[in-house]
Amino acid sequence: MKKVNILLLIISLCNVINGQVIDNKLQGYYKAKSDSAMYSFFEFDGNGKVNIVGIGTGYYFTKGDSLIVYPDKSLFKFKIKNNALIGASSWVENETWIKKDTVVANNRKDAVLSQKNAVLLNEYYKITDSRTALDYMLSDTDTKAHAEKISQLCNQGLSKACLDYFGMLLLQDQGFETLLNNQKNEKSKPINPVIIALGNKIIAQGEIEGYTVLGAYYYLLGNKEKAKELWNTGADKGSQQSAMGLMQIEME
């Protein structure tokens, strides 16, 4: 642990020297200035997680006056100016969000761990740039090398990378057509212990979407009871995606 703390301190000092401090302590409720904005508000918890208009959560970090947000499979870029966020990428471009007085809980309990996650997410950003996990899944080019880098970030504790890696393993195991149709694989396949272990690892990291992806895997295997159990837990903990999984089962 001491070695990790020293490494993070060195990285932090380098960032300060370069004028590009990396962190995820941005906190507060930011409301869209315009009623026409696609996303009416963002709530930042001061610990790397953002509530996006109440229908999902994403990851974020700041680097200098830049803010990077990962809303699931996409990417938002903002510029921070005083108490405002200025959209600087697709979906948020030319829109402004103003910080309001609405109280948002601060979930920053361990500053060292939070800083580590911010640094790791910045490394993830440098690896993926504007490409998403789906982009890599749809192309064989550099897929193996990319998967290895994502796996390394996952092993260092970055939940975002673990979720990406879970998707890669799921694609290899079930095939693209099965995932595209979101249906049970017609060819019965045995449970893959590597996928199960990774799903449980994501849950152990405190990432509620671990219940979502692990439930999805059981659903594809045809075990709807186990899928429902996991999605119920995820929904109870606040996962909108798990709740959507439950709705899918109920509609069948």
C-alpha atoms as a PDB file:
ATOM      1  CA  MET A   1       0.000   0.000   0.000  1.00  0.00           C
ATOM      2  CA  LYS A   2       2.884   2.377   0.822  1.00  0.00           C
ATOM      3  CA  LYS A   3       4.401   1.817  -2.619  1.00  0.00           C
ATOM      4  CA  VAL A   4       1.046   2.627  -4.249  1.00  0.00           C
ATOM      5  CA  ASN A   5       0.696   5.808  -2.185  1.00  0.00           C
ATOM      6  CA  ILE A   6       4.223   6.934  -3.092  1.00  0.00           C
ATOM      7  CA  LEU A   7       3.568   6.245  -6.794  1.00  0.00           C
ATOM      8  CA  LEU A   8       0.346   8.243  -6.714  1.00  0.00           C
ATOM      9  CA  LEU A   9       2.128  11.087  -4.930  1.00  0.00           C
ATOM     10  CA  ILE A  10       4.796  11.165  -7.662  1.00  0.00           C
ATOM     11  CA  ILE A  11       2.133  11.138 -10.382  1.00  0.00           C
ATOM     12  CA  SER A  12       0.214  13.906  -8.622  1.00  0.00           C
ATOM     13  CA  LEU A  13       3.340  16.061  -8.305  1.00  0.00           C
ATOM     14  CA  CYS A  14       4.104  15.578 -12.005  1.00  0.00           C
ATOM     15  CA  ASN A  15       0.558  16.614 -12.855  1.00  0.00           C
ATOM     16  CA  VAL A  16       0.878  19.769 -10.748  1.00  0.00           C
ATOM     17  CA  ILE A  17       4.171  20.658 -12.430  1.00  0.00           C
ATOM     18  CA  ASN A  18       2.560  20.220 -15.846  1.00  0.00           C
ATOM     19  CA  GLY A  19      -0.439  22.285 -14.768  1.00  0.00           C
ATOM     20  CA  GLN A  20      -2.776  19.358 -15.457  1.00  0.00           C
ATOM     21  CA  VAL A  21      -4.001  18.125 -12.097  1.00  0.00           C
ATOM     22  CA  ILE A  22      -5.994  14.897 -12.442  1.00  0.00           C
ATOM     23  CA  ASP A  23      -8.787  14.348  -9.907  1.00  0.00           C
ATOM     24  CA  ASN A  24     -12.430  13.376  -9.476  1.00  0.00           C
ATOM     25  CA  LYS A  25     -13.493  15.552  -6.549  1.00  0.00           C
ATOM     26  CA  LEU A  26     -15.837  17.740  -8.622  1.00  0.00           C
ATOM     27  CA  GLN A  27     -19.130  17.767  -6.721  1.00  0.00           C
ATOM     28  CA  GLY A  28     -22.532  19.311  -7.169  1.00  0.00           C
ATOM     29  CA  TYR A  29     -25.682  19.632  -9.231  1.00  0.00           C
ATOM     30  CA  TYR A  30     -25.272  21.213 -12.656  1.00  0.00           C
ATOM     31  CA  LYS A  31     -28.443  22.255 -14.466  1.00  0.00           C
ATOM     32  CA  ALA A  32     -28.666  22.922 -18.200  1.00  0.00           C
ATOM     33  CA  LYS A  33     -28.879  26.604 -19.060  1.00  0.00           C
ATOM     34  CA  SER A  34     -31.147  25.833 -22.013  1.00  0.00           C
ATOM     35  CA  ASP A  35     -34.380  23.836 -21.903  1.00  0.00           C
ATOM     36  CA  SER A  36     -33.461  22.365 -25.286  1.00  0.00           C
ATOM     37  CA  ALA A  37     -30.355  20.567 -23.982  1.00  0.00           C
ATOM     38  CA  MET A  38     -30.513  16.795 -24.404  1.00  0.00           C
ATOM     39  CA  TYR A  39     -29.249  16.306 -20.835  1.00  0.00           C
ATOM     40  CA  SER A  40     -31.042  18.519 -18.310  1.00  0.00           C
ATOM     41  CA  PHE A  41     -28.689  17.926 -15.392  1.00  0.00           C
ATOM     42  CA  PHE A  42     -25.609  16.164 -14.059  1.00  0.00           C
ATOM     43  CA  GLU A  43     -24.937  15.315 -10.400  1.00  0.00           C
ATOM     44  CA  PHE A  44     -21.284  14.742  -9.466  1.00  0.00           C
ATOM     45  CA  ASP A  45     -20.638  12.887  -6.207  1.00  0.00           C
ATOM     46  CA  GLY A  46     -17.077  14.098  -5.561  1.00  0.00           C
ATOM     47  CA  ASN A  47     -15.797  10.551  -5.981  1.00  0.00           C
ATOM     48  CA  GLY A  48     -15.782   9.795  -9.703  1.00  0.00           C
ATOM     49  CA  LYS A  49     -19.445   8.909 -10.272  1.00  0.00           C
ATOM     50  CA  VAL A  50     -22.037  11.101 -11.997  1.00  0.00           C
ATOM     51  CA  ASN A  51     -25.821  10.791 -12.098  1.00  0.00           C
ATOM     52  CA  ILE A  52     -26.947  11.631 -15.624  1.00  0.00           C
ATOM     53  CA  VAL A  53     -30.494  13.041 -15.698  1.00  0.00           C
ATOM     54  CA  GLY A  54     -31.616  10.382 -13.228  1.00  0.00           C
ATOM     55  CA  ILE A  55     -31.598   7.554 -15.785  1.00  0.00           C
ATOM     56  CA  GLY A  56     -28.079   6.262 -15.353  1.00  0.00           C
ATOM     57  CA  THR A  57     -24.663   6.785 -13.835  1.00  0.00           C
ATOM     58  CA  GLY A  58     -21.277   7.308 -15.414  1.00  0.00           C
ATOM     59  CA  TYR A  59     -17.628   7.806 -14.517  1.00  0.00           C
ATOM     60  CA  TYR A  60     -15.736  11.092 -14.628  1.00  0.00           C
ATOM     61  CA  PHE A  61     -12.420  12.753 -13.945  1.00  0.00           C
ATOM     62  CA  THR A  62     -11.013  16.235 -14.346  1.00  0.00           C
ATOM     63  CA  LYS A  63      -7.683  17.205 -15.855  1.00  0.00           C
ATOM     64  CA  GLY A  64      -6.873  20.861 -15.403  1.00  0.00           C
ATOM     65  CA  ASP A  65      -9.946  22.737 -16.620  1.00  0.00           C
ATOM     66  CA  SER A  66     -11.207  19.757 -18.645  1.00  0.00           C
ATOM     67  CA  LEU A  67     -13.908  17.314 -17.534  1.00  0.00           C
ATOM     68  CA  ILE A  68     -14.283  13.873 -19.092  1.00  0.00           C
ATOM     69  CA  VAL A  69     -17.482  11.886 -18.511  1.00  0.00           C
ATOM     70  CA  TYR A  70     -18.156   8.299 -19.552  1.00  0.00           C
ATOM     71  CA  PRO A  71     -21.929   7.702 -19.737  1.00  0.00           C
ATOM     72  CA  ASP A  72     -21.822   3.962 -20.351  1.00  0.00           C
ATOM     73  CA  LYS A  73     -20.586   3.410 -23.935  1.00  0.00           C
ATOM     74  CA  SER A  74     -20.049   7.021 -24.987  1.00  0.00           C
ATOM     75  CA  LEU A  75     -17.859   9.995 -24.052  1.00  0.00           C
ATOM     76  CA  PHE A  76     -18.609  13.596 -23.080  1.00  0.00           C
ATOM     77  CA  LYS A  77     -16.027  16.388 -22.892  1.00  0.00           C
ATOM     78  CA  PHE A  78     -16.510  19.672 -21.052  1.00  0.00           C
ATOM     79  CA  LYS A  79     -14.537  22.753 -20.145  1.00  0.00           C
ATOM     80  CA  ILE A  80     -14.864  23.934 -16.546  1.00  0.00           C
ATOM     81  CA  LYS A  81     -15.254  27.691 -16.239  1.00  0.00           C
ATOM     82  CA  ASN A  82     -15.983  29.059 -12.775  1.00  0.00           C
ATOM     83  CA  ASN A  83     -19.286  27.390 -11.770  1.00  0.00           C
ATOM     84  CA  ALA A  84     -20.226  26.269 -15.264  1.00  0.00           C
ATOM     85  CA  LEU A  85     -19.576  23.321 -17.561  1.00  0.00           C
ATOM     86  CA  ILE A  86     -19.232  24.125 -21.258  1.00  0.00           C
ATOM     87  CA  GLY A  87     -19.938  21.189 -23.602  1.00  0.00           C
ATOM     88  CA  ALA A  88     -17.049  20.487 -25.975  1.00  0.00           C
ATOM     89  CA  SER A  89     -17.949  17.208 -27.716  1.00  0.00           C
ATOM     90  CA  SER A  90     -20.792  15.441 -29.493  1.00  0.00           C
ATOM     91  CA  TRP A  91     -24.119  15.275 -27.597  1.00  0.00           C
ATOM     92  CA  VAL A  92     -23.143  18.157 -25.277  1.00  0.00           C
ATOM     93  CA  GLU A  93     -21.449  20.597 -27.669  1.00  0.00           C
ATOM     94  CA  ASN A  94     -22.417  24.291 -27.441  1.00  0.00           C
ATOM     95  CA  GLU A  95     -24.496  23.689 -24.294  1.00  0.00           C
ATOM     96  CA  THR A  96     -23.840  25.046 -20.798  1.00  0.00           C
ATOM     97  CA  TRP A  97     -24.620  23.622 -17.355  1.00  0.00           C
ATOM     98  CA  ILE A  98     -24.645  25.918 -14.313  1.00  0.00           C
ATOM     99  CA  LYS A  99     -23.893  24.753 -10.775  1.00  0.00           C
ATOM    100  CA  LYS A 100     -26.882  25.116  -8.448  1.00  0.00           C
ATOM    101  CA  ASP A 101     -27.227  25.051  -4.659  1.00  0.00           C
ATOM    102  CA  THR A 102     -29.007  21.686  -4.648  1.00  0.00           C
ATOM    103  CA  VAL A 103     -27.302  19.427  -2.128  1.00  0.00           C
ATOM    104  CA  VAL A 104     -25.526  16.389  -3.603  1.00  0.00           C
ATOM    105  CA  ALA A 105     -24.030  13.829  -1.222  1.00  0.00           C
ATOM    106  CA  ASN A 106     -20.241  13.727  -1.151  1.00  0.00           C
ATOM    107  CA  ASN A 107     -19.139  10.101  -1.497  1.00  0.00           C
ATOM    108  CA  ARG A 108     -15.414  10.828  -1.231  1.00  0.00           C
ATOM    109  CA  LYS A 109     -14.427   8.628   1.727  1.00  0.00           C
ATOM    110  CA  ASP A 110     -10.844   7.708   0.809  1.00  0.00           C
ATOM    111  CA  ALA A 111      -8.902  10.493  -0.906  1.00  0.00           C
ATOM    112  CA  VAL A 112      -5.986   8.228  -1.862  1.00  0.00           C
ATOM    113  CA  LEU A 113      -8.255   5.616  -3.450  1.00  0.00           C
ATOM    114  CA  SER A 114     -10.276   8.313  -5.216  1.00  0.00           C
ATOM    115  CA  GLN A 115      -7.108   9.862  -6.624  1.00  0.00           C
ATOM    116  CA  LYS A 116      -5.913   6.451  -7.781  1.00  0.00           C
ATOM    117  CA  ASN A 117      -9.195   5.847  -9.633  1.00  0.00           C
ATOM    118  CA  ALA A 118      -8.970   9.267 -11.301  1.00  0.00           C
ATOM    119  CA  VAL A 119      -5.418   8.536 -12.502  1.00  0.00           C
ATOM    120  CA  LEU A 120      -6.476   5.096 -13.783  1.00  0.00           C
ATOM    121  CA  LEU A 121      -9.459   6.570 -15.623  1.00  0.00           C
ATOM    122  CA  ASN A 122      -7.132   9.076 -17.271  1.00  0.00           C
ATOM    123  CA  GLU A 123      -4.969   6.135 -18.389  1.00  0.00           C
ATOM    124  CA  TYR A 124      -8.136   4.484 -19.744  1.00  0.00           C
ATOM    125  CA  TYR A 125      -8.918   7.705 -21.606  1.00  0.00           C
ATOM    126  CA  LYS A 126      -5.456   7.760 -23.195  1.00  0.00           C
ATOM    127  CA  ILE A 127      -5.826   4.127 -24.283  1.00  0.00           C
ATOM    128  CA  THR A 128      -9.315   4.458 -25.760  1.00  0.00           C
ATOM    129  CA  ASP A 129      -9.331   8.145 -26.748  1.00  0.00           C
ATOM    130  CA  SER A 130     -12.599   8.702 -28.642  1.00  0.00           C
ATOM    131  CA  ARG A 131     -13.130   5.011 -29.414  1.00  0.00           C
ATOM    132  CA  THR A 132     -15.564   3.009 -27.302  1.00  0.00           C
ATOM    133  CA  ALA A 133     -15.470  -0.583 -26.122  1.00  0.00           C
ATOM    134  CA  LEU A 134     -18.027  -1.415 -28.824  1.00  0.00           C
ATOM    135  CA  ASP A 135     -15.738   0.002 -31.505  1.00  0.00           C
ATOM    136  CA  TYR A 136     -13.040  -2.450 -30.506  1.00  0.00           C
ATOM    137  CA  MET A 137     -15.533  -5.308 -30.283  1.00  0.00           C
ATOM    138  CA  LEU A 138     -16.590  -4.677 -33.882  1.00  0.00           C
ATOM    139  CA  SER A 139     -13.046  -4.652 -35.237  1.00  0.00           C
ATOM    140  CA  ASP A 140     -10.370  -7.325 -35.112  1.00  0.00           C
ATOM    141  CA  THR A 141      -7.633  -4.715 -35.497  1.00  0.00           C
ATOM    142  CA  ASP A 142      -5.521  -4.510 -32.336  1.00  0.00           C
ATOM    143  CA  THR A 143      -8.342  -6.179 -30.380  1.00  0.00           C
ATOM    144  CA  LYS A 144      -6.020  -8.504 -28.488  1.00  0.00           C
ATOM    145  CA  ALA A 145      -3.551  -5.754 -27.562  1.00  0.00           C
ATOM    146  CA  HIS A 146      -6.371  -3.466 -26.478  1.00  0.00           C
ATOM    147  CA  ALA A 147      -7.985  -6.211 -24.391  1.00  0.00           C
ATOM    148  CA  GLU A 148      -4.694  -6.782 -22.606  1.00  0.00           C
ATOM    149  CA  LYS A 149      -4.371  -3.093 -21.716  1.00  0.00           C
ATOM    150  CA  ILE A 150      -7.966  -2.965 -20.474  1.00  0.00           C
ATOM    151  CA  SER A 151      -7.398  -6.133 -18.440  1.00  0.00           C
ATOM    152  CA  GLN A 152      -4.365  -4.548 -16.788  1.00  0.00           C
ATOM    153  CA  LEU A 153      -6.387  -1.487 -15.763  1.00  0.00           C
ATOM    154  CA  CYS A 154      -9.099  -3.794 -14.449  1.00  0.00           C
ATOM    155  CA  ASN A 155      -6.547  -5.664 -12.346  1.00  0.00           C
ATOM    156  CA  GLN A 156      -5.403  -2.329 -10.926  1.00  0.00           C
ATOM    157  CA  GLY A 157      -8.948  -1.717  -9.688  1.00  0.00           C
ATOM    158  CA  LEU A 158     -10.658   0.389 -12.374  1.00  0.00           C
ATOM    159  CA  SER A 159     -14.277  -0.780 -12.520  1.00  0.00           C
ATOM    160  CA  LYS A 160     -14.898   0.944 -15.861  1.00  0.00           C
ATOM    161  CA  ALA A 161     -12.131  -1.176 -17.406  1.00  0.00           C
ATOM    162  CA  CYS A 162     -13.511  -4.334 -15.764  1.00  0.00           C
ATOM    163  CA  LEU A 163     -16.932  -3.691 -17.296  1.00  0.00           C
ATOM    164  CA  ASP A 164     -15.329  -3.258 -20.716  1.00  0.00           C
ATOM    165  CA  TYR A 165     -13.318  -6.432 -20.282  1.00  0.00           C
ATOM    166  CA  PHE A 166     -16.443  -8.306 -19.194  1.00  0.00           C
ATOM    167  CA  GLY A 167     -18.080  -7.268 -22.473  1.00  0.00           C
ATOM    168  CA  MET A 168     -15.089  -8.501 -24.458  1.00  0.00           C
ATOM    169  CA  LEU A 169     -15.131 -11.886 -22.745  1.00  0.00           C
ATOM    170  CA  LEU A 170     -18.892 -12.118 -23.216  1.00  0.00           C
ATOM    171  CA  LEU A 171     -18.528 -11.438 -26.934  1.00  0.00           C
ATOM    172  CA  GLN A 172     -15.893 -14.151 -27.261  1.00  0.00           C
ATOM    173  CA  ASP A 173     -18.008 -16.617 -25.310  1.00  0.00           C
ATOM    174  CA  GLN A 174     -21.461 -15.991 -26.768  1.00  0.00           C
ATOM    175  CA  GLY A 175     -20.831 -14.448 -30.173  1.00  0.00           C
ATOM    176  CA  PHE A 176     -21.859 -11.080 -31.581  1.00  0.00           C
ATOM    177  CA  GLU A 177     -25.222 -12.210 -32.984  1.00  0.00           C
ATOM    178  CA  THR A 178     -26.387 -13.432 -29.579  1.00  0.00           C
ATOM    179  CA  LEU A 179     -25.463 -10.145 -27.900  1.00  0.00           C
ATOM    180  CA  LEU A 180     -27.002  -8.108 -30.721  1.00  0.00           C
ATOM    181  CA  ASN A 181     -30.340  -9.901 -30.379  1.00  0.00           C
ATOM    182  CA  ASN A 182     -30.069 -10.031 -26.570  1.00  0.00           C
ATOM    183  CA  GLN A 183     -31.427 -13.562 -26.572  1.00  0.00           C
ATOM    184  CA  LYS A 184     -30.426 -16.902 -25.107  1.00  0.00           C
ATOM    185  CA  ASN A 185     -27.744 -18.595 -27.181  1.00  0.00           C
ATOM    186  CA  GLU A 186     -29.369 -21.339 -29.252  1.00  0.00           C
ATOM    187  CA  LYS A 187     -26.281 -23.502 -28.853  1.00  0.00           C
ATOM    188  CA  SER A 188     -26.109 -24.515 -25.216  1.00  0.00           C
ATOM    189  CA  LYS A 189     -22.807 -23.500 -23.654  1.00  0.00           C
ATOM    190  CA  PRO A 190     -21.325 -24.398 -20.259  1.00  0.00           C
ATOM    191  CA  ILE A 191     -20.864 -21.709 -17.619  1.00  0.00           C
ATOM    192  CA  ASN A 192     -17.578 -19.892 -18.116  1.00  0.00           C
ATOM    193  CA  PRO A 193     -15.939 -19.591 -14.660  1.00  0.00           C
ATOM    194  CA  VAL A 194     -13.691 -16.747 -15.861  1.00  0.00           C
ATOM    195  CA  ILE A 195     -16.725 -14.610 -16.727  1.00  0.00           C
ATOM    196  CA  ILE A 196     -18.425 -15.461 -13.431  1.00  0.00           C
ATOM    197  CA  ALA A 197     -15.274 -14.580 -11.472  1.00  0.00           C
ATOM    198  CA  LEU A 198     -14.939 -11.249 -13.286  1.00  0.00           C
ATOM    199  CA  GLY A 199     -18.584 -10.376 -12.632  1.00  0.00           C
ATOM    200  CA  ASN A 200     -18.140 -11.095  -8.926  1.00  0.00           C
ATOM    201  CA  LYS A 201     -14.932  -9.051  -8.948  1.00  0.00           C
ATOM    202  CA  ILE A 202     -16.784  -6.037 -10.333  1.00  0.00           C
ATOM    203  CA  ILE A 203     -19.437  -6.414  -7.635  1.00  0.00           C
ATOM    204  CA  ALA A 204     -16.720  -6.687  -4.956  1.00  0.00           C
ATOM    205  CA  GLN A 205     -15.280  -3.389  -6.232  1.00  0.00           C
ATOM    206  CA  GLY A 206     -18.569  -1.751  -5.212  1.00  0.00           C
ATOM    207  CA  GLU A 207     -19.775  -1.246  -8.795  1.00  0.00           C
ATOM    208  CA  ILE A 208     -23.534  -1.908  -8.874  1.00  0.00           C
ATOM    209  CA  GLU A 209     -23.487  -2.492 -12.638  1.00  0.00           C
ATOM    210  CA  GLY A 210     -21.636  -5.700 -11.817  1.00  0.00           C
ATOM    211  CA  TYR A 211     -25.066  -7.111 -10.958  1.00  0.00           C
ATOM    212  CA  THR A 212     -26.332  -5.919 -14.339  1.00  0.00           C
ATOM    213  CA  VAL A 213     -23.651  -7.544 -16.486  1.00  0.00           C
ATOM    214  CA  LEU A 214     -23.490 -10.770 -14.481  1.00  0.00           C
ATOM    215  CA  GLY A 215     -27.279 -11.015 -14.628  1.00  0.00           C
ATOM    216  CA  ALA A 216     -27.116 -10.487 -18.390  1.00  0.00           C
ATOM    217  CA  TYR A 217     -24.675 -13.386 -18.698  1.00  0.00           C
ATOM    218  CA  TYR A 218     -26.978 -15.747 -16.796  1.00  0.00           C
ATOM    219  CA  TYR A 219     -29.885 -14.506 -18.910  1.00  0.00           C
ATOM    220  CA  LEU A 220     -28.007 -15.413 -22.108  1.00  0.00           C
ATOM    221  CA  LEU A 221     -27.339 -18.854 -20.642  1.00  0.00           C
ATOM    222  CA  GLY A 222     -31.086 -19.283 -20.131  1.00  0.00           C
ATOM    223  CA  ASN A 223     -30.974 -19.065 -16.321  1.00  0.00           C
ATOM    224  CA  LYS A 224     -33.635 -16.409 -15.892  1.00  0.00           C
ATOM    225  CA  GLU A 225     -34.071 -17.050 -12.163  1.00  0.00           C
ATOM    226  CA  LYS A 226     -30.430 -16.250 -11.426  1.00  0.00           C
ATOM    227  CA  ALA A 227     -30.582 -13.272 -13.780  1.00  0.00           C
ATOM    228  CA  LYS A 228     -33.673 -11.988 -11.999  1.00  0.00           C
ATOM    229  CA  GLU A 229     -32.011 -12.425  -8.592  1.00  0.00           C
ATOM    230  CA  LEU A 230     -28.968 -10.394  -9.651  1.00  0.00           C
ATOM    231  CA  TRP A 231     -30.997  -7.713 -11.403  1.00  0.00           C
ATOM    232  CA  ASN A 232     -33.258  -7.359  -8.358  1.00  0.00           C
ATOM    233  CA  THR A 233     -30.211  -6.720  -6.207  1.00  0.00           C
ATOM    234  CA  GLY A 234     -28.791  -4.264  -8.730  1.00  0.00           C
ATOM    235  CA  ALA A 235     -32.095  -2.397  -9.015  1.00  0.00           C
ATOM    236  CA  ASP A 236     -32.408  -2.209  -5.210  1.00  0.00           C
ATOM    237  CA  LYS A 237     -28.968  -0.607  -5.108  1.00  0.00           C
ATOM    238  CA  GLY A 238     -29.966   1.987  -7.699  1.00  0.00           C
ATOM    239  CA  SER A 239     -29.046   0.484 -11.072  1.00  0.00           C
ATOM    240  CA  GLN A 240     -31.417   1.633 -13.800  1.00  0.00           C
ATOM    241  CA  GLN A 241     -29.946  -0.932 -16.192  1.00  0.00           C
ATOM    242  CA  SER A 242     -30.748  -3.785 -13.817  1.00  0.00           C
ATOM    243  CA  ALA A 243     -34.276  -2.402 -13.525  1.00  0.00           C
ATOM    244  CA  MET A 244     -34.563  -2.469 -17.318  1.00  0.00           C
ATOM    245  CA  GLY A 245     -33.426  -6.094 -17.297  1.00  0.00           C
ATOM    246  CA  LEU A 246     -36.225  -6.947 -14.886  1.00  0.00           C
ATOM    247  CA  MET A 247     -38.737  -5.196 -17.130  1.00  0.00           C
ATOM    248  CA  GLN A 248     -37.552  -7.290 -20.065  1.00  0.00           C
ATOM    249  CA  ILE A 249     -38.175 -10.502 -18.138  1.00  0.00           C
ATOM    250  CA  GLU A 250     -41.632  -9.326 -17.049  1.00  0.00           C
ATOM    251  CA  MET A 251     -42.594  -8.482 -20.642  1.00  0.00           C
ATOM    252  CA  GLU A 252     -41.721 -11.947 -21.951  1.00  0.00           C
END
